[in-house]
Amino acid sequence: MKAIISFFLLLNSLILIAQDIDVSSNVMSKQVPLAAGNYTFKMTNIDTNSTYAIEVEKKDLDINQLVTPAGFAALALAAPITDYTIGSFPLSKGEEIKITIKATDTAGSIKTYIYVYQTEKRGEWRSTFGFNFVYLTNNNTYFSDPNGDNTFTINESNNKENFVYYPTLMFSWVSNNHIDKWKNWKAGFSGGIGYDFKTSLSVFAGGSLIYNENITITAGLTFHNQKRLSSNYSENDIINENLTFDQLHTDYIRVNPFVSISFRLDRNPFETSN
């Protein structure tokens, strides 16, 4: 079954789809959206008493300029031609072909036809605002426990946070590919920065699902500051003074998993309007 599907996909990619430009029409300029594929562009309803100069520009790909072949007008008079194939070009997502045709009649009057064919963008960058919830691994904290003889033992605390959250600005690359039955959802890749209102600036990266263009759910990894026991001490050490939490601990960069929910807004909510 997979082989049959692959064959038809390959066959589809080889099929040339005709796109006609009517050079007798009053439509002098046109922009046409296309799906990705292979296209043949033709001039139709050619005036055999006119001459034509043709130029093709393909975005992100250099193509030699196409010009009217020598003797084109004479050939047309000898054997009337109603259409002329400009060329065949493959168009991937995010590409554009611009075809410019200058038709000069016997009186020297020039008509210019400009046709632009565009495929759907591969995707787009979006910015969203939301909250990222980070699951803390190896989040062991310690305190100095009095022994009753003016000494203290460094013991592990039973009270520790399992999650922290960060208000976050996320940037997401959203692909235009989607499955029809999941048309309310799109997939993307996101990265962002967040701050916990204390001292920790965090960097986030992960995969995202976007619901109806506005709500983004992301899961991935974050690089952020986390507390651990200072290298000057070890668990069960006996010390002669009651040390504070900050004296016992030091910051280090750790990688932890996160999930987030963020929202696409039409403007920065932190900017004040005039």
Protein backbone atom coordinates (compact mmCIF):
# COMPACT_ATOMS: atom_id res chain seq x y z
CA MET A 1 0.00 0.00 0.00
CA LYS A 2 2.83 2.40 0.92
CA ALA A 3 4.51 1.63 -2.41
CA ILE A 4 1.30 2.51 -4.29
CA ILE A 5 0.93 5.80 -2.38
CA SER A 6 4.58 6.67 -3.03
CA PHE A 7 4.10 5.95 -6.75
CA PHE A 8 1.10 8.26 -7.01
CA LEU A 9 2.92 11.01 -5.09
CA LEU A 10 5.84 10.72 -7.51
CA LEU A 11 3.46 10.71 -10.49
CA ASN A 12 1.73 13.81 -9.18
CA SER A 13 5.06 15.63 -8.85
CA LEU A 14 5.84 14.90 -12.52
CA ILE A 15 2.49 16.10 -13.91
CA LEU A 16 2.71 19.51 -15.62
CA ILE A 17 -0.21 21.82 -14.88
CA ALA A 18 -1.00 24.36 -17.60
CA GLN A 19 -1.37 28.05 -16.76
CA ASP A 20 -2.55 30.24 -19.66
CA ILE A 21 -1.94 33.96 -20.20
CA ASP A 22 -4.44 35.44 -22.65
CA VAL A 23 -2.58 38.23 -24.50
CA SER A 24 -5.82 39.48 -26.05
CA SER A 25 -7.39 40.03 -22.63
CA ASN A 26 -7.92 43.36 -20.90
CA VAL A 27 -6.44 41.83 -17.74
CA MET A 28 -2.96 43.38 -17.82
CA SER A 29 -1.86 42.41 -14.32
CA LYS A 30 -2.76 39.43 -12.20
CA GLN A 31 -1.55 37.61 -9.10
CA VAL A 32 -2.39 33.91 -8.92
CA PRO A 33 -2.02 31.68 -5.83
CA LEU A 34 -0.84 28.15 -6.63
CA ALA A 35 -0.14 24.92 -4.82
CA ALA A 36 3.38 23.53 -5.07
CA GLY A 37 3.90 21.56 -8.28
CA ASN A 38 5.21 21.62 -11.85
CA TYR A 39 3.69 24.26 -14.13
CA THR A 40 3.76 25.00 -17.86
CA PHE A 41 3.06 28.65 -18.74
CA LYS A 42 1.55 29.50 -22.12
CA MET A 43 0.57 32.59 -24.10
CA THR A 44 -2.82 32.20 -25.76
CA ASN A 45 -4.77 34.15 -28.41
CA ILE A 46 -1.61 35.58 -29.95
CA ASP A 47 -1.97 38.41 -32.48
CA THR A 48 0.11 37.28 -35.46
CA ASN A 49 0.73 40.91 -36.44
CA SER A 50 2.41 41.72 -33.11
CA THR A 51 5.79 40.82 -31.66
CA TYR A 52 6.35 39.72 -28.10
CA ALA A 53 9.20 40.08 -25.64
CA ILE A 54 9.00 37.67 -22.70
CA GLU A 55 10.81 37.79 -19.39
CA VAL A 56 10.53 35.23 -16.58
CA GLU A 57 11.80 35.81 -13.05
CA LYS A 58 11.72 33.06 -10.44
CA LYS A 59 12.23 34.04 -6.84
CA ASP A 60 15.28 32.49 -5.19
CA LEU A 61 16.36 30.85 -8.44
CA ASP A 62 18.20 32.47 -11.35
CA ILE A 63 16.66 31.73 -14.75
CA ASN A 64 18.00 33.04 -18.03
CA GLN A 65 15.81 35.68 -19.59
CA LEU A 66 13.47 34.32 -22.23
CA VAL A 67 13.12 36.51 -25.33
CA THR A 68 11.12 36.30 -28.52
CA PRO A 69 12.80 33.82 -30.91
CA ALA A 70 14.19 35.24 -34.15
CA GLY A 71 11.58 35.33 -36.94
CA PHE A 72 8.70 34.82 -34.51
CA ALA A 73 6.39 37.34 -36.23
CA ALA A 74 7.18 36.05 -39.74
CA LEU A 75 6.55 32.50 -38.58
CA ALA A 76 3.23 33.56 -37.13
CA LEU A 77 2.15 35.10 -40.44
CA ALA A 78 3.16 32.05 -42.42
CA ALA A 79 1.47 29.60 -40.08
CA PRO A 80 -0.87 31.35 -37.64
CA ILE A 81 -0.10 30.49 -33.99
CA THR A 82 -2.70 30.83 -31.27
CA ASP A 83 -0.54 29.83 -28.35
CA TYR A 84 3.10 29.71 -27.37
CA THR A 85 4.68 27.76 -24.52
CA ILE A 86 6.84 30.09 -22.44
CA GLY A 87 8.37 27.34 -20.33
CA SER A 88 7.86 24.75 -17.61
CA PHE A 89 9.02 25.34 -14.04
CA PRO A 90 8.76 23.46 -10.74
CA LEU A 91 7.42 25.58 -7.88
CA SER A 92 8.05 24.59 -4.29
CA LYS A 93 6.37 26.18 -1.29
CA GLY A 94 7.38 29.79 -0.78
CA GLU A 95 8.39 30.43 -4.39
CA GLU A 96 7.17 32.90 -6.97
CA ILE A 97 7.32 33.26 -10.74
CA LYS A 98 6.80 36.64 -12.40
CA ILE A 99 6.12 36.64 -16.15
CA THR A 100 6.30 39.93 -18.03
CA ILE A 101 5.09 40.04 -21.64
CA LYS A 102 5.45 43.13 -23.83
CA ALA A 103 3.26 43.00 -26.92
CA THR A 104 4.12 45.50 -29.69
CA ASP A 105 1.59 45.92 -32.52
CA THR A 106 2.22 47.21 -36.05
CA ALA A 107 1.51 50.79 -34.96
CA GLY A 108 4.23 50.56 -32.32
CA SER A 109 1.79 50.56 -29.40
CA ILE A 110 2.98 48.44 -26.46
CA LYS A 111 0.86 46.48 -24.03
CA THR A 112 2.54 45.02 -20.96
CA TYR A 113 1.14 41.95 -19.23
CA ILE A 114 2.51 41.12 -15.77
CA TYR A 115 1.41 37.82 -14.22
CA VAL A 116 2.73 36.75 -10.82
CA TYR A 117 2.26 33.16 -9.64
CA GLN A 118 2.90 32.46 -5.93
CA THR A 119 2.82 29.29 -3.88
CA GLU A 120 1.83 29.20 -0.23
CA LYS A 121 4.54 30.20 2.24
CA ARG A 122 6.36 27.38 3.99
CA GLY A 123 5.41 28.98 7.29
CA GLU A 124 5.86 32.10 9.37
CA TRP A 125 7.37 33.42 12.59
CA ARG A 126 5.02 34.45 15.38
CA SER A 127 5.51 35.94 18.82
CA THR A 128 3.33 34.94 21.77
CA PHE A 129 3.11 35.80 25.47
CA GLY A 130 2.41 33.25 28.18
CA PHE A 131 3.62 31.19 31.13
CA ASN A 132 6.13 28.36 31.12
CA PHE A 133 6.00 25.78 33.91
CA VAL A 134 9.37 24.16 34.66
CA TYR A 135 9.68 20.82 36.42
CA LEU A 136 12.69 20.94 38.75
CA THR A 137 14.90 17.85 38.82
CA ASN A 138 17.57 17.27 41.53
CA ASN A 139 16.14 20.20 43.42
CA ASN A 140 17.63 19.23 46.78
CA THR A 141 17.92 22.03 49.32
CA TYR A 142 19.53 22.04 52.75
CA PHE A 143 19.38 23.78 56.13
CA SER A 144 21.54 23.92 59.25
CA ASP A 145 19.83 21.90 61.99
CA PRO A 146 20.79 22.81 65.60
CA ASN A 147 22.29 19.98 67.68
CA GLY A 148 21.77 21.64 71.09
CA ASP A 149 25.49 22.15 71.79
CA ASN A 150 26.11 25.30 69.71
CA THR A 151 26.81 23.17 66.65
CA PHE A 152 24.68 22.54 63.60
CA THR A 153 24.28 19.66 61.16
CA ILE A 154 23.64 20.25 57.46
CA ASN A 155 20.55 18.22 56.61
CA GLU A 156 18.44 17.90 53.48
CA SER A 157 15.17 19.78 53.60
CA ASN A 158 11.86 18.02 53.05
CA ASN A 159 10.33 21.24 51.74
CA LYS A 160 11.30 21.76 48.12
CA GLU A 161 9.62 23.13 45.05
CA ASN A 162 8.72 20.77 42.24
CA PHE A 163 7.67 23.48 39.77
CA VAL A 164 8.49 27.09 39.04
CA TYR A 165 6.82 29.28 36.44
CA TYR A 166 8.10 32.07 34.22
CA PRO A 167 6.25 34.77 32.32
CA THR A 168 7.72 34.23 28.88
CA LEU A 169 8.02 35.78 25.46
CA MET A 170 8.07 32.95 22.89
CA PHE A 171 8.96 33.00 19.19
CA SER A 172 7.50 30.19 17.09
CA TRP A 173 8.12 28.98 13.55
CA VAL A 174 4.75 27.70 12.34
CA SER A 175 4.63 25.40 9.34
CA ASN A 176 1.75 25.67 6.87
CA ASN A 177 1.65 21.89 6.58
CA HIS A 178 -1.29 20.30 8.35
CA ILE A 179 -3.43 17.18 8.19
CA ASP A 180 -6.98 17.89 6.99
CA LYS A 181 -8.66 16.08 9.86
CA TRP A 182 -6.56 18.15 12.28
CA LYS A 183 -7.08 21.41 10.42
CA ASN A 184 -7.61 23.31 13.69
CA TRP A 185 -4.04 22.46 14.70
CA LYS A 186 -0.62 23.38 13.34
CA ALA A 187 2.84 22.28 14.43
CA GLY A 188 5.86 24.48 15.02
CA PHE A 189 9.16 24.97 16.81
CA SER A 190 9.45 27.57 19.57
CA GLY A 191 12.15 29.33 21.51
CA GLY A 192 11.90 32.08 24.07
CA ILE A 193 13.13 33.85 27.17
CA GLY A 194 11.53 34.19 30.59
CA TYR A 195 12.18 35.79 33.97
CA ASP A 196 11.04 34.54 37.38
CA PHE A 197 10.80 38.00 39.04
CA LYS A 198 13.83 37.11 41.23
CA THR A 199 17.23 36.57 39.69
CA SER A 200 16.81 33.87 37.07
CA LEU A 201 16.68 34.53 33.34
CA SER A 202 15.77 31.37 31.44
CA VAL A 203 16.02 30.21 27.84
CA PHE A 204 13.41 27.83 26.40
CA ALA A 205 13.23 25.64 23.29
CA GLY A 206 10.76 22.96 22.23
CA GLY A 207 8.05 21.72 19.91
CA SER A 208 4.67 23.43 19.73
CA LEU A 209 1.06 22.77 18.79
CA ILE A 210 -0.99 25.79 17.78
CA TYR A 211 -4.76 25.66 18.16
CA ASN A 212 -6.82 27.83 15.82
CA GLU A 213 -3.90 30.20 15.23
CA ASN A 214 -4.09 31.75 18.72
CA ILE A 215 -3.26 29.31 21.53
CA THR A 216 0.19 27.70 21.58
CA ILE A 217 1.09 24.70 23.73
CA THR A 218 4.82 23.96 23.92
CA ALA A 219 6.93 21.26 25.58
CA GLY A 220 10.70 21.11 25.64
CA LEU A 221 13.80 21.97 27.64
CA THR A 222 14.90 25.08 29.49
CA PHE A 223 18.29 26.37 30.63
CA HIS A 224 17.94 28.24 33.92
CA ASN A 225 19.47 28.90 37.34
CA GLN A 226 18.89 26.38 40.10
CA LYS A 227 20.13 26.12 43.69
CA ARG A 228 22.43 23.40 45.00
CA LEU A 229 24.55 22.86 48.11
CA SER A 230 27.71 24.92 48.02
CA SER A 231 30.88 22.98 47.27
CA ASN A 232 32.21 24.17 50.65
CA TYR A 233 29.81 21.85 52.44
CA SER A 234 28.43 18.31 52.32
CA GLU A 235 25.33 16.73 53.76
CA ASN A 236 25.74 15.76 57.46
CA ASP A 237 28.64 18.17 57.96
CA ILE A 238 28.91 19.59 61.51
CA ILE A 239 29.35 23.37 61.51
CA ASN A 240 29.72 25.93 64.28
CA GLU A 241 27.29 28.57 63.04
CA ASN A 242 23.73 28.71 61.84
CA LEU A 243 24.04 29.45 58.12
CA THR A 244 21.27 31.02 56.08
CA PHE A 245 19.81 29.42 52.96
CA ASP A 246 21.84 31.70 50.68
CA GLN A 247 25.05 30.91 52.58
CA LEU A 248 24.50 27.18 52.16
CA HIS A 249 23.58 27.26 48.47
CA THR A 250 25.00 28.42 45.17
CA ASP A 251 23.50 28.97 41.73
CA TYR A 252 24.26 26.79 38.73
CA ILE A 253 22.82 26.36 35.23
CA ARG A 254 20.65 23.29 34.83
CA VAL A 255 18.54 21.82 32.02
CA ASN A 256 14.98 20.89 33.00
CA PRO A 257 11.78 20.01 31.11
CA PHE A 258 8.96 22.50 30.75
CA VAL A 259 5.45 22.91 29.36
CA SER A 260 3.87 26.21 28.47
CA ILE A 261 0.74 27.87 27.24
CA SER A 262 0.95 31.16 25.40
CA PHE A 263 -1.33 33.44 23.45
CA ARG A 264 -0.96 35.26 20.15
CA LEU A 265 -1.77 38.94 20.58
CA ASP A 266 -2.21 41.67 17.99
CA ARG A 267 0.25 43.93 19.81
CA ASN A 268 2.70 43.95 22.71
CA PRO A 269 0.59 44.11 25.91
CA PHE A 270 3.44 45.91 27.72
CA GLU A 271 3.38 48.85 25.34
CA THR A 272 1.17 51.76 26.34
CA SER A 273 -1.06 53.29 23.71
CA ASN A 274 -0.85 56.99 22.96
